[in-house]
Amino acid sequence: MVKAIVLVKSPKKLIAARLKKINFVYESFPVSGQFDAVVIIKVENLSEIKDITTNIQKIIGVERTETMVEVQ
């Protein structure tokens, strides 16, 4: 199991709720600060993370993302 955290910058309200609808998103919640939402992803293979982050970036209103993969 591979876990990753994706930080999402988006001025859209309720972006965290939209992010929860993406496959393999374990959790998503709004935050204060430089980013507007945090997404936690759990997948079987590291290569799947790129596909998920690409889907996140396609959401209307998402300005940028930053991904951090758990190191074991």
C-alpha atoms as a PDB file:
ATOM      1  CA  MET A   1       0.000   0.000   0.000  1.00  0.00           C
ATOM      2  CA  VAL A   2       1.332   3.419  -0.988  1.00  0.00           C
ATOM      3  CA  LYS A   3       0.029   6.588   0.642  1.00  0.00           C
ATOM      4  CA  ALA A   4       0.349  10.127  -0.629  1.00  0.00           C
ATOM      5  CA  ILE A   5      -0.829  13.553   0.421  1.00  0.00           C
ATOM      6  CA  VAL A   6      -1.853  16.051  -2.228  1.00  0.00           C
ATOM      7  CA  LEU A   7      -2.136  19.735  -1.349  1.00  0.00           C
ATOM      8  CA  VAL A   8      -4.654  21.553  -3.555  1.00  0.00           C
ATOM      9  CA  LYS A   9      -4.865  25.272  -4.299  1.00  0.00           C
ATOM     10  CA  SER A  10      -8.366  26.288  -5.400  1.00  0.00           C
ATOM     11  CA  PRO A  11     -10.484  29.322  -4.590  1.00  0.00           C
ATOM     12  CA  LYS A  12     -13.622  27.245  -5.251  1.00  0.00           C
ATOM     13  CA  LYS A  13     -15.714  26.578  -2.172  1.00  0.00           C
ATOM     14  CA  LEU A  14     -16.433  22.950  -1.375  1.00  0.00           C
ATOM     15  CA  ILE A  15     -13.425  21.761  -3.412  1.00  0.00           C
ATOM     16  CA  ALA A  16     -12.696  19.163  -0.707  1.00  0.00           C
ATOM     17  CA  ALA A  17     -16.128  17.606  -1.259  1.00  0.00           C
ATOM     18  CA  ARG A  18     -15.494  17.370  -5.001  1.00  0.00           C
ATOM     19  CA  LEU A  19     -12.118  15.757  -4.410  1.00  0.00           C
ATOM     20  CA  LYS A  20     -13.698  12.975  -2.328  1.00  0.00           C
ATOM     21  CA  LYS A  21     -15.488  11.730  -5.446  1.00  0.00           C
ATOM     22  CA  ILE A  22     -12.221  10.737  -7.156  1.00  0.00           C
ATOM     23  CA  ASN A  23     -11.310   7.048  -7.042  1.00  0.00           C
ATOM     24  CA  PHE A  24      -8.668   6.085  -4.463  1.00  0.00           C
ATOM     25  CA  VAL A  25      -9.129   9.298  -2.482  1.00  0.00           C
ATOM     26  CA  TYR A  26      -9.166   8.037   1.091  1.00  0.00           C
ATOM     27  CA  GLU A  27      -9.932  11.401   2.662  1.00  0.00           C
ATOM     28  CA  SER A  28     -10.196  15.059   1.723  1.00  0.00           C
ATOM     29  CA  PHE A  29     -10.707  18.108   3.893  1.00  0.00           C
ATOM     30  CA  PRO A  30     -10.396  21.907   3.687  1.00  0.00           C
ATOM     31  CA  VAL A  31      -7.452  23.650   5.344  1.00  0.00           C
ATOM     32  CA  SER A  32      -6.286  27.182   5.969  1.00  0.00           C
ATOM     33  CA  GLY A  33      -2.995  28.550   4.698  1.00  0.00           C
ATOM     34  CA  GLN A  34      -1.274  28.498   1.339  1.00  0.00           C
ATOM     35  CA  PHE A  35      -3.417  25.577   0.103  1.00  0.00           C
ATOM     36  CA  ASP A  36      -7.175  25.132   0.334  1.00  0.00           C
ATOM     37  CA  ALA A  37      -7.606  21.370   0.650  1.00  0.00           C
ATOM     38  CA  VAL A  38      -5.675  18.238   1.556  1.00  0.00           C
ATOM     39  CA  VAL A  39      -6.260  14.912  -0.174  1.00  0.00           C
ATOM     40  CA  ILE A  40      -5.037  11.593   1.206  1.00  0.00           C
ATOM     41  CA  ILE A  41      -4.588   8.867  -1.400  1.00  0.00           C
ATOM     42  CA  LYS A  42      -4.093   5.149  -0.796  1.00  0.00           C
ATOM     43  CA  VAL A  43      -3.129   2.954  -3.757  1.00  0.00           C
ATOM     44  CA  GLU A  44      -1.413  -0.356  -4.415  1.00  0.00           C
ATOM     45  CA  ASN A  45       1.272   0.924  -6.804  1.00  0.00           C
ATOM     46  CA  LEU A  46       3.290   4.115  -6.869  1.00  0.00           C
ATOM     47  CA  SER A  47       2.542   4.602 -10.567  1.00  0.00           C
ATOM     48  CA  GLU A  48      -1.181   5.092  -9.814  1.00  0.00           C
ATOM     49  CA  ILE A  49      -0.523   8.333  -7.958  1.00  0.00           C
ATOM     50  CA  LYS A  50       0.282  10.237 -11.159  1.00  0.00           C
ATOM     51  CA  ASP A  51      -3.073   9.281 -12.696  1.00  0.00           C
ATOM     52  CA  ILE A  52      -4.965  10.401  -9.608  1.00  0.00           C
ATOM     53  CA  THR A  53      -3.147  13.730  -9.365  1.00  0.00           C
ATOM     54  CA  THR A  54      -3.818  14.317 -13.065  1.00  0.00           C
ATOM     55  CA  ASN A  55      -7.535  13.784 -12.408  1.00  0.00           C
ATOM     56  CA  ILE A  56      -7.381  16.237  -9.506  1.00  0.00           C
ATOM     57  CA  GLN A  57      -5.693  18.846 -11.717  1.00  0.00           C
ATOM     58  CA  LYS A  58      -8.487  18.490 -14.311  1.00  0.00           C
ATOM     59  CA  ILE A  59     -11.141  19.666 -11.828  1.00  0.00           C
ATOM     60  CA  ILE A  60     -12.373  23.126 -12.761  1.00  0.00           C
ATOM     61  CA  GLY A  61     -10.986  25.655 -10.303  1.00  0.00           C
ATOM     62  CA  VAL A  62      -7.896  23.720  -9.257  1.00  0.00           C
ATOM     63  CA  GLU A  63      -4.982  26.101  -9.732  1.00  0.00           C
ATOM     64  CA  ARG A  64      -2.124  23.862  -8.616  1.00  0.00           C
ATOM     65  CA  THR A  65      -1.225  20.822  -6.562  1.00  0.00           C
ATOM     66  CA  GLU A  66       1.738  19.563  -4.599  1.00  0.00           C
ATOM     67  CA  THR A  67       2.156  15.854  -3.945  1.00  0.00           C
ATOM     68  CA  MET A  68       4.082  14.206  -1.132  1.00  0.00           C
ATOM     69  CA  VAL A  69       4.519  10.419  -1.211  1.00  0.00           C
ATOM     70  CA  GLU A  70       5.049   8.454   1.991  1.00  0.00           C
ATOM     71  CA  VAL A  71       8.589   7.108   2.229  1.00  0.00           C
ATOM     72  CA  GLN A  72       9.050   3.729   3.855  1.00  0.00           C
END
